[in-house]
Amino acid sequence: MTVWFARLVSGVAFTAALAAGAGTASADPKSIAVLQGLDKVTARVSTFEVQIDQPIDFGALRIRVRHCDRTPPEERPEAAAFIEIDELRPGQEQNVLFTGWMFASSPGLNAVEHAVYDVWLLDCKDPQTPAPQE
């Protein structure tokens, strides 16, 4: 299956899921994804914000968020983001690890499979919105 076809199928499935549960309200696009990453070697958990289409490096991973949605306050809380994650290796080409939708309510649904790093979505927000409290 080609990458563009997988993205298309993921996008259609996400849109259908939102339409089925959203009623008359729809998801609000946001400009920042709040992600959390675990370095399994050092056991450090990092929370970082990624702006749409602005790549960020986390260890040997390059993370790019293409789209981030959050349901309105009157709906069940949910954030979903379309994320691309590549592994950077010195002297080699980037290795695509993950391309697809991540959901804040189900971090294990579309997990990044990497020996050293885990990455998951916490929330989608706009610049003026405070970070989620844990």
C-alpha atoms as a PDB file:
ATOM      1  CA  MET A   1       0.000   0.000   0.000  1.00  0.00           C
ATOM      2  CA  THR A   2       1.452   3.359  -0.940  1.00  0.00           C
ATOM      3  CA  VAL A   3       1.937   6.092   1.617  1.00  0.00           C
ATOM      4  CA  TRP A   4      -0.537   8.482  -0.015  1.00  0.00           C
ATOM      5  CA  PHE A   5      -3.221   5.774  -0.099  1.00  0.00           C
ATOM      6  CA  ALA A   6      -2.644   4.958   3.584  1.00  0.00           C
ATOM      7  CA  ARG A   7      -2.969   8.670   4.421  1.00  0.00           C
ATOM      8  CA  LEU A   8      -6.175   8.899   2.400  1.00  0.00           C
ATOM      9  CA  VAL A   9      -7.693   5.870   4.146  1.00  0.00           C
ATOM     10  CA  SER A  10      -6.663   7.217   7.568  1.00  0.00           C
ATOM     11  CA  GLY A  11      -8.172  10.621   6.793  1.00  0.00           C
ATOM     12  CA  VAL A  12     -11.443   9.119   5.589  1.00  0.00           C
ATOM     13  CA  ALA A  13     -11.677   6.878   8.671  1.00  0.00           C
ATOM     14  CA  PHE A  14     -10.992   9.818  11.003  1.00  0.00           C
ATOM     15  CA  THR A  15     -13.566  12.010   9.271  1.00  0.00           C
ATOM     16  CA  ALA A  16     -16.160   9.237   9.446  1.00  0.00           C
ATOM     17  CA  ALA A  17     -15.440   8.667  13.146  1.00  0.00           C
ATOM     18  CA  LEU A  18     -15.832  12.362  13.909  1.00  0.00           C
ATOM     19  CA  ALA A  19     -19.028  12.608  11.878  1.00  0.00           C
ATOM     20  CA  ALA A  20     -20.548   9.569  13.574  1.00  0.00           C
ATOM     21  CA  GLY A  21     -19.970  10.853  17.097  1.00  0.00           C
ATOM     22  CA  ALA A  22     -20.106  14.572  16.639  1.00  0.00           C
ATOM     23  CA  GLY A  23     -23.801  15.178  15.933  1.00  0.00           C
ATOM     24  CA  THR A  24     -24.119  18.789  14.799  1.00  0.00           C
ATOM     25  CA  ALA A  25     -20.782  19.940  16.240  1.00  0.00           C
ATOM     26  CA  SER A  26     -17.506  19.381  14.467  1.00  0.00           C
ATOM     27  CA  ALA A  27     -13.875  19.240  15.485  1.00  0.00           C
ATOM     28  CA  ASP A  28     -12.001  22.518  15.700  1.00  0.00           C
ATOM     29  CA  PRO A  29      -8.638  22.665  13.896  1.00  0.00           C
ATOM     30  CA  LYS A  30      -5.812  23.817  16.155  1.00  0.00           C
ATOM     31  CA  SER A  31      -2.334  25.085  15.330  1.00  0.00           C
ATOM     32  CA  ILE A  32      -0.289  23.265  17.987  1.00  0.00           C
ATOM     33  CA  ALA A  33      -0.095  19.603  19.008  1.00  0.00           C
ATOM     34  CA  VAL A  34       1.008  18.810  22.555  1.00  0.00           C
ATOM     35  CA  LEU A  35       2.987  15.575  22.491  1.00  0.00           C
ATOM     36  CA  GLN A  36       4.759  13.536  25.100  1.00  0.00           C
ATOM     37  CA  GLY A  37       7.795  11.396  24.481  1.00  0.00           C
ATOM     38  CA  LEU A  38       9.551   8.732  26.512  1.00  0.00           C
ATOM     39  CA  ASP A  39      13.246   7.963  26.167  1.00  0.00           C
ATOM     40  CA  LYS A  40      13.328   4.344  27.316  1.00  0.00           C
ATOM     41  CA  VAL A  41      17.091   4.378  27.934  1.00  0.00           C
ATOM     42  CA  THR A  42      17.098   7.313  30.370  1.00  0.00           C
ATOM     43  CA  ALA A  43      13.472   6.904  31.516  1.00  0.00           C
ATOM     44  CA  ARG A  44      12.889  10.616  30.863  1.00  0.00           C
ATOM     45  CA  VAL A  45       9.463  11.803  29.818  1.00  0.00           C
ATOM     46  CA  SER A  46       9.362  15.048  27.840  1.00  0.00           C
ATOM     47  CA  THR A  47       6.332  17.146  26.951  1.00  0.00           C
ATOM     48  CA  PHE A  48       6.720  19.326  23.890  1.00  0.00           C
ATOM     49  CA  GLU A  49       4.597  21.440  21.583  1.00  0.00           C
ATOM     50  CA  VAL A  50       4.780  21.046  17.824  1.00  0.00           C
ATOM     51  CA  GLN A  51       3.343  23.624  15.461  1.00  0.00           C
ATOM     52  CA  ILE A  52       1.620  22.399  12.323  1.00  0.00           C
ATOM     53  CA  ASP A  53       4.135  21.650   9.518  1.00  0.00           C
ATOM     54  CA  GLN A  54       7.123  22.631  11.714  1.00  0.00           C
ATOM     55  CA  PRO A  55       9.366  19.592  12.314  1.00  0.00           C
ATOM     56  CA  ILE A  56      10.849  19.025  15.755  1.00  0.00           C
ATOM     57  CA  ASP A  57      13.567  16.561  16.740  1.00  0.00           C
ATOM     58  CA  PHE A  58      13.149  14.281  19.742  1.00  0.00           C
ATOM     59  CA  GLY A  59      16.295  12.224  20.164  1.00  0.00           C
ATOM     60  CA  ALA A  60      16.808  10.384  16.881  1.00  0.00           C
ATOM     61  CA  LEU A  61      13.232  11.075  15.761  1.00  0.00           C
ATOM     62  CA  ARG A  62      11.964  13.885  13.561  1.00  0.00           C
ATOM     63  CA  ILE A  63       8.300  14.609  14.264  1.00  0.00           C
ATOM     64  CA  ARG A  64       6.031  16.604  11.951  1.00  0.00           C
ATOM     65  CA  VAL A  65       2.368  17.284  12.701  1.00  0.00           C
ATOM     66  CA  ARG A  66       0.278  17.855   9.583  1.00  0.00           C
ATOM     67  CA  HIS A  67      -3.133  18.425  11.199  1.00  0.00           C
ATOM     68  CA  CYS A  68      -4.520  18.668  14.733  1.00  0.00           C
ATOM     69  CA  ASP A  69      -8.202  18.723  15.762  1.00  0.00           C
ATOM     70  CA  ARG A  70      -9.964  19.081  19.119  1.00  0.00           C
ATOM     71  CA  THR A  71     -13.638  18.505  19.763  1.00  0.00           C
ATOM     72  CA  PRO A  72     -15.661  21.482  21.023  1.00  0.00           C
ATOM     73  CA  PRO A  73     -16.360  21.784  24.782  1.00  0.00           C
ATOM     74  CA  GLU A  74     -19.931  20.488  24.482  1.00  0.00           C
ATOM     75  CA  GLU A  75     -18.691  17.177  23.036  1.00  0.00           C
ATOM     76  CA  ARG A  76     -16.799  14.277  24.601  1.00  0.00           C
ATOM     77  CA  PRO A  77     -13.145  15.425  24.945  1.00  0.00           C
ATOM     78  CA  GLU A  78     -10.991  14.171  22.085  1.00  0.00           C
ATOM     79  CA  ALA A  79      -7.924  15.369  20.254  1.00  0.00           C
ATOM     80  CA  ALA A  80      -6.615  13.811  17.071  1.00  0.00           C
ATOM     81  CA  ALA A  81      -3.549  14.644  15.018  1.00  0.00           C
ATOM     82  CA  PHE A  82      -2.101  13.426  11.744  1.00  0.00           C
ATOM     83  CA  ILE A  83       1.573  12.874  12.502  1.00  0.00           C
ATOM     84  CA  GLU A  84       4.639  11.801  10.542  1.00  0.00           C
ATOM     85  CA  ILE A  85       7.639  10.445  12.448  1.00  0.00           C
ATOM     86  CA  ASP A  86      10.971   9.605  10.836  1.00  0.00           C
ATOM     87  CA  GLU A  87      14.076   8.090  12.381  1.00  0.00           C
ATOM     88  CA  LEU A  88      17.284  10.021  11.709  1.00  0.00           C
ATOM     89  CA  ARG A  89      20.453   7.959  11.363  1.00  0.00           C
ATOM     90  CA  PRO A  90      23.832   9.595  10.733  1.00  0.00           C
ATOM     91  CA  GLY A  91      25.023   8.873   7.205  1.00  0.00           C
ATOM     92  CA  GLN A  92      21.741   7.226   6.174  1.00  0.00           C
ATOM     93  CA  GLU A  93      18.440   8.313   4.737  1.00  0.00           C
ATOM     94  CA  GLN A  94      15.497   9.023   7.020  1.00  0.00           C
ATOM     95  CA  ASN A  95      13.524   5.921   7.932  1.00  0.00           C
ATOM     96  CA  VAL A  96       9.742   6.423   8.088  1.00  0.00           C
ATOM     97  CA  LEU A  97       8.528   5.001  11.421  1.00  0.00           C
ATOM     98  CA  PHE A  98       4.966   6.278  11.591  1.00  0.00           C
ATOM     99  CA  THR A  99       2.494   8.089   9.375  1.00  0.00           C
ATOM    100  CA  GLY A 100      -1.083   8.356  10.537  1.00  0.00           C
ATOM    101  CA  TRP A 101      -3.621   9.589  13.061  1.00  0.00           C
ATOM    102  CA  MET A 102      -2.980   9.595  16.798  1.00  0.00           C
ATOM    103  CA  PHE A 103      -5.805  10.019  19.301  1.00  0.00           C
ATOM    104  CA  ALA A 104      -5.263  11.490  22.770  1.00  0.00           C
ATOM    105  CA  SER A 105      -7.924   9.250  24.320  1.00  0.00           C
ATOM    106  CA  SER A 106      -6.326   6.069  22.890  1.00  0.00           C
ATOM    107  CA  PRO A 107      -2.528   6.421  22.934  1.00  0.00           C
ATOM    108  CA  GLY A 108      -2.015   2.714  22.266  1.00  0.00           C
ATOM    109  CA  LEU A 109      -4.257   2.661  19.186  1.00  0.00           C
ATOM    110  CA  ASN A 110      -1.616   3.976  16.786  1.00  0.00           C
ATOM    111  CA  ALA A 111       1.607   3.646  18.700  1.00  0.00           C
ATOM    112  CA  VAL A 112       5.082   4.445  17.455  1.00  0.00           C
ATOM    113  CA  GLU A 113       7.090   1.227  17.468  1.00  0.00           C
ATOM    114  CA  HIS A 114      10.679   2.104  18.284  1.00  0.00           C
ATOM    115  CA  ALA A 115      13.245   0.396  20.507  1.00  0.00           C
ATOM    116  CA  VAL A 116      14.302   3.600  22.305  1.00  0.00           C
ATOM    117  CA  TYR A 117      11.427   6.115  22.016  1.00  0.00           C
ATOM    118  CA  ASP A 118       7.682   6.244  22.569  1.00  0.00           C
ATOM    119  CA  VAL A 119       5.630   9.245  21.385  1.00  0.00           C
ATOM    120  CA  TRP A 120       1.948   9.966  21.974  1.00  0.00           C
ATOM    121  CA  LEU A 121      -0.546  12.814  21.597  1.00  0.00           C
ATOM    122  CA  LEU A 122      -1.828  14.676  24.660  1.00  0.00           C
ATOM    123  CA  ASP A 123      -3.844  17.532  23.176  1.00  0.00           C
ATOM    124  CA  CYS A 124      -4.359  20.026  20.367  1.00  0.00           C
ATOM    125  CA  LYS A 125      -4.450  23.721  21.162  1.00  0.00           C
ATOM    126  CA  ASP A 126      -4.022  27.246  19.892  1.00  0.00           C
ATOM    127  CA  PRO A 127      -1.135  29.420  21.103  1.00  0.00           C
ATOM    128  CA  GLN A 128      -3.236  31.268  23.710  1.00  0.00           C
ATOM    129  CA  THR A 129      -4.609  28.027  25.257  1.00  0.00           C
ATOM    130  CA  PRO A 130      -2.799  26.862  28.419  1.00  0.00           C
ATOM    131  CA  ALA A 131      -1.198  23.405  28.399  1.00  0.00           C
ATOM    132  CA  PRO A 132      -3.271  20.543  29.860  1.00  0.00           C
ATOM    133  CA  GLN A 133      -2.895  19.829  33.570  1.00  0.00           C
ATOM    134  CA  GLU A 134      -1.831  16.343  34.580  1.00  0.00           C
END
